[in-house]
Amino acid sequence: MNRTGKLTASAMFVGLMTVGANISVWLPFLAVPIGGQTVPLSMQPFFALLAGLLLGYKWGSYSMICYILLGLTGLPIFADLSGGFAAFAGPTGGFLLSFIFIAFIAGFIMEKTHFRFRIFGAVIAGVLVNYLIGVTYMYTSMQLWMGVDISYLAAWVSMVPFFLKDFCFAILAALFYPRVAHAFGKGKVTYNTSFK
């Protein structure tokens, strides 16, 4: 894919991240009951993973940086059609930042490693990075400026339903990847060749 194509694809992923953040706002019935909680169907980790897989670690992370910077200007492209710096004052600000690292690590593993089934390693690593950054930020924000006394373990436990949802989406991204890789100039990709 040439530079123009990557720029276009990066802009497309900014749009997809906006849709992924607010799909439950536009379609409220797309909320999944898991473990007694109602988990909104956010597809942002799914699109961040695909950005890394399809664009590579540089352009994939660039597209996520653009998404965050546009949101910081006040455009309503974050969850619940919000924008601005206030999104980082709450406990979920770390998950926003983690999208950059999701795309980076997924793209890096795909481009720089050659172990068998690396696509699954890429998406699983991306989800783990997502929650390591997101939960740590959530715990820190609650302790330092939100005045909520919570243990680090309790913070992780509270995110288990969301982690299960995003892990399933990560596997879906790995399975979906070969079907869209050709459209991104990667040539014919099969499950056998993409996993090696």
Protein backbone atom coordinates (compact mmCIF):
# COMPACT_ATOMS: atom_id res chain seq x y z
CA MET A 1 0.00 0.00 0.00
CA ASN A 2 1.42 3.42 -0.94
CA ARG A 3 1.52 6.49 1.27
CA THR A 4 -1.75 7.92 -0.10
CA GLY A 5 -3.49 4.62 0.51
CA LYS A 6 -2.21 4.50 4.08
CA LEU A 7 -3.37 8.05 4.73
CA THR A 8 -6.82 7.19 3.41
CA ALA A 9 -6.97 3.98 5.44
CA SER A 10 -5.82 5.84 8.58
CA ALA A 11 -8.66 8.33 8.14
CA MET A 12 -11.07 5.45 7.67
CA PHE A 13 -9.98 3.91 10.97
CA VAL A 14 -10.54 7.24 12.74
CA GLY A 15 -14.13 7.03 11.52
CA LEU A 16 -14.43 3.39 12.52
CA MET A 17 -13.15 4.18 16.02
CA THR A 18 -15.86 6.83 16.34
CA VAL A 19 -18.51 4.32 15.30
CA GLY A 20 -17.02 1.68 17.59
CA ALA A 21 -17.10 4.04 20.57
CA ASN A 22 -20.76 4.95 20.13
CA ILE A 23 -22.44 1.95 18.57
CA SER A 24 -24.37 1.33 21.81
CA VAL A 25 -25.50 4.98 21.80
CA TRP A 26 -27.03 4.63 18.35
CA LEU A 27 -28.16 1.03 18.89
CA PRO A 28 -28.85 0.75 22.65
CA PHE A 29 -30.11 -2.82 22.36
CA LEU A 30 -26.53 -3.85 21.59
CA ALA A 31 -25.61 -4.23 25.24
CA VAL A 32 -24.65 -7.64 26.51
CA PRO A 33 -25.52 -8.95 30.00
CA ILE A 34 -22.39 -10.61 31.42
CA GLY A 35 -22.04 -11.69 35.03
CA GLY A 36 -24.93 -9.57 36.23
CA GLN A 37 -23.63 -6.46 34.48
CA THR A 38 -24.79 -4.80 31.30
CA VAL A 39 -21.71 -4.39 29.13
CA PRO A 40 -22.04 -1.86 26.29
CA LEU A 41 -20.91 -3.13 22.92
CA SER A 42 -17.82 -1.02 22.24
CA MET A 43 -15.87 -2.17 19.22
CA GLN A 44 -12.92 0.18 19.63
CA PRO A 45 -10.37 -2.50 20.61
CA PHE A 46 -11.51 -4.52 17.58
CA PHE A 47 -10.85 -1.62 15.20
CA ALA A 48 -7.59 -0.65 16.92
CA LEU A 49 -6.36 -4.22 16.46
CA LEU A 50 -7.36 -4.25 12.81
CA ALA A 51 -5.58 -0.92 12.29
CA GLY A 52 -2.36 -2.43 13.56
CA LEU A 53 -2.76 -5.68 11.66
CA LEU A 54 -3.63 -4.04 8.36
CA LEU A 55 -1.61 -0.81 8.43
CA GLY A 56 1.39 -1.98 10.41
CA TYR A 57 2.70 -0.69 13.69
CA LYS A 58 3.65 2.79 12.41
CA TRP A 59 0.56 3.77 10.45
CA GLY A 60 -1.75 1.83 12.74
CA SER A 61 -0.55 3.76 15.77
CA TYR A 62 -0.57 7.03 13.76
CA SER A 63 -4.26 6.52 13.02
CA MET A 64 -5.00 6.03 16.73
CA ILE A 65 -2.98 9.15 17.62
CA CYS A 66 -5.05 11.12 15.09
CA TYR A 67 -8.26 9.77 16.63
CA ILE A 68 -7.23 10.87 20.11
CA LEU A 69 -5.96 14.28 18.99
CA LEU A 70 -9.19 14.99 17.12
CA GLY A 71 -11.17 14.02 20.21
CA LEU A 72 -9.05 16.30 22.37
CA THR A 73 -10.04 19.25 20.19
CA GLY A 74 -13.61 18.75 21.39
CA LEU A 75 -15.05 16.76 18.50
CA PRO A 76 -17.69 14.34 19.90
CA ILE A 77 -15.93 11.17 18.78
CA PHE A 78 -15.23 9.51 22.14
CA ALA A 79 -17.72 7.29 23.98
CA ASP A 80 -21.17 8.77 24.58
CA LEU A 81 -20.45 11.33 21.84
CA SER A 82 -18.04 13.20 24.10
CA GLY A 83 -14.78 14.98 23.41
CA GLY A 84 -12.18 17.20 24.99
CA PHE A 85 -9.70 16.76 27.82
CA ALA A 86 -12.46 15.80 30.27
CA ALA A 87 -12.43 12.30 28.78
CA PHE A 88 -9.02 11.78 30.40
CA ALA A 89 -10.11 13.04 33.80
CA GLY A 90 -12.34 10.02 34.30
CA PRO A 91 -11.34 6.42 35.00
CA THR A 92 -11.52 5.33 31.36
CA GLY A 93 -8.93 7.76 30.03
CA GLY A 94 -6.27 5.07 30.06
CA PHE A 95 -8.26 2.92 27.69
CA LEU A 96 -8.26 5.78 25.19
CA LEU A 97 -4.49 6.09 25.42
CA SER A 98 -4.09 2.33 25.15
CA PHE A 99 -5.52 2.27 21.62
CA ILE A 100 -2.22 3.68 20.35
CA PHE A 101 -0.34 0.82 21.97
CA ILE A 102 -2.86 -1.80 20.85
CA ALA A 103 -2.29 -0.86 17.22
CA PHE A 104 1.46 -0.61 17.74
CA ILE A 105 1.97 -3.99 19.42
CA ALA A 106 -0.40 -5.85 17.07
CA GLY A 107 1.27 -4.34 14.02
CA PHE A 108 4.77 -4.90 15.39
CA ILE A 109 4.16 -8.59 16.05
CA MET A 110 2.68 -9.06 12.59
CA GLU A 111 5.54 -7.25 10.84
CA LYS A 112 8.57 -8.24 12.89
CA THR A 113 7.91 -11.82 13.98
CA HIS A 114 7.38 -15.02 12.06
CA PHE A 115 6.19 -17.57 14.61
CA ARG A 116 3.28 -19.83 13.79
CA PHE A 117 -0.16 -18.37 14.57
CA ARG A 118 1.38 -14.95 15.16
CA ILE A 119 -1.90 -13.25 14.28
CA PHE A 120 -3.48 -14.70 17.41
CA GLY A 121 -0.44 -13.66 19.43
CA ALA A 122 -0.79 -10.16 18.03
CA VAL A 123 -4.44 -9.69 18.97
CA ILE A 124 -4.09 -11.29 22.40
CA ALA A 125 -1.06 -9.12 23.17
CA GLY A 126 -3.07 -6.09 22.04
CA VAL A 127 -5.93 -6.86 24.42
CA LEU A 128 -3.54 -7.47 27.32
CA VAL A 129 -1.85 -4.11 26.68
CA ASN A 130 -5.30 -2.49 26.46
CA TYR A 131 -6.24 -3.68 29.94
CA LEU A 132 -2.84 -3.31 31.56
CA ILE A 133 -2.79 0.39 30.65
CA GLY A 134 -6.53 0.96 31.06
CA VAL A 135 -6.98 -0.70 34.44
CA THR A 136 -3.78 0.81 35.86
CA TYR A 137 -4.93 4.28 34.78
CA MET A 138 -8.39 3.64 36.22
CA TYR A 139 -6.94 2.56 39.57
CA THR A 140 -4.55 5.52 39.67
CA SER A 141 -7.25 8.06 38.80
CA MET A 142 -9.59 6.69 41.46
CA GLN A 143 -6.88 6.81 44.11
CA LEU A 144 -5.31 10.17 43.29
CA TRP A 145 -8.02 12.56 42.11
CA MET A 146 -11.41 10.86 42.25
CA GLY A 147 -11.26 9.98 45.94
CA VAL A 148 -12.39 6.37 45.48
CA ASP A 149 -10.68 3.85 47.73
CA ILE A 150 -10.27 0.68 45.68
CA SER A 151 -7.62 -2.00 45.52
CA TYR A 152 -5.76 -2.77 42.32
CA LEU A 153 -7.17 -6.30 42.39
CA ALA A 154 -10.73 -4.99 42.77
CA ALA A 155 -10.16 -2.72 39.80
CA TRP A 156 -9.18 -5.73 37.68
CA VAL A 157 -12.09 -7.83 38.93
CA SER A 158 -14.55 -5.08 38.00
CA MET A 159 -13.29 -5.21 34.42
CA VAL A 160 -13.60 -8.98 33.91
CA PRO A 161 -16.89 -8.78 31.92
CA PHE A 162 -15.39 -6.16 29.63
CA PHE A 163 -12.18 -8.15 29.23
CA LEU A 164 -14.13 -11.26 28.20
CA LYS A 165 -16.04 -9.23 25.63
CA ASP A 166 -12.90 -7.66 24.18
CA PHE A 167 -11.04 -10.98 24.17
CA CYS A 168 -13.83 -12.47 22.03
CA PHE A 169 -13.63 -9.47 19.69
CA ALA A 170 -9.85 -9.94 19.48
CA ILE A 171 -10.28 -13.51 18.29
CA LEU A 172 -12.89 -12.28 15.83
CA ALA A 173 -10.37 -9.72 14.53
CA ALA A 174 -7.82 -12.50 13.98
CA LEU A 175 -10.36 -14.56 12.06
CA PHE A 176 -11.60 -11.54 10.11
CA TYR A 177 -8.14 -10.32 9.12
CA PRO A 178 -7.49 -12.63 6.12
CA ARG A 179 -10.80 -11.60 4.55
CA VAL A 180 -9.93 -7.90 4.45
CA ALA A 181 -6.15 -8.03 4.01
CA HIS A 182 -6.45 -8.25 0.23
CA ALA A 183 -8.41 -5.00 0.11
CA PHE A 184 -5.51 -3.28 1.90
CA GLY A 185 -2.98 -4.23 -0.73
CA LYS A 186 -1.57 -7.25 1.05
CA GLY A 187 -2.33 -9.62 -1.77
CA LYS A 188 -4.09 -12.92 -1.39
CA VAL A 189 -3.96 -14.04 2.22
CA THR A 190 -5.09 -17.41 3.43
CA TYR A 191 -5.39 -18.71 6.98
CA ASN A 192 -2.38 -20.97 6.47
CA THR A 193 0.01 -18.33 5.12
CA SER A 194 -1.12 -15.54 7.45
CA PHE A 195 -0.47 -17.69 10.51
CA LYS A 196 3.16 -18.44 9.67
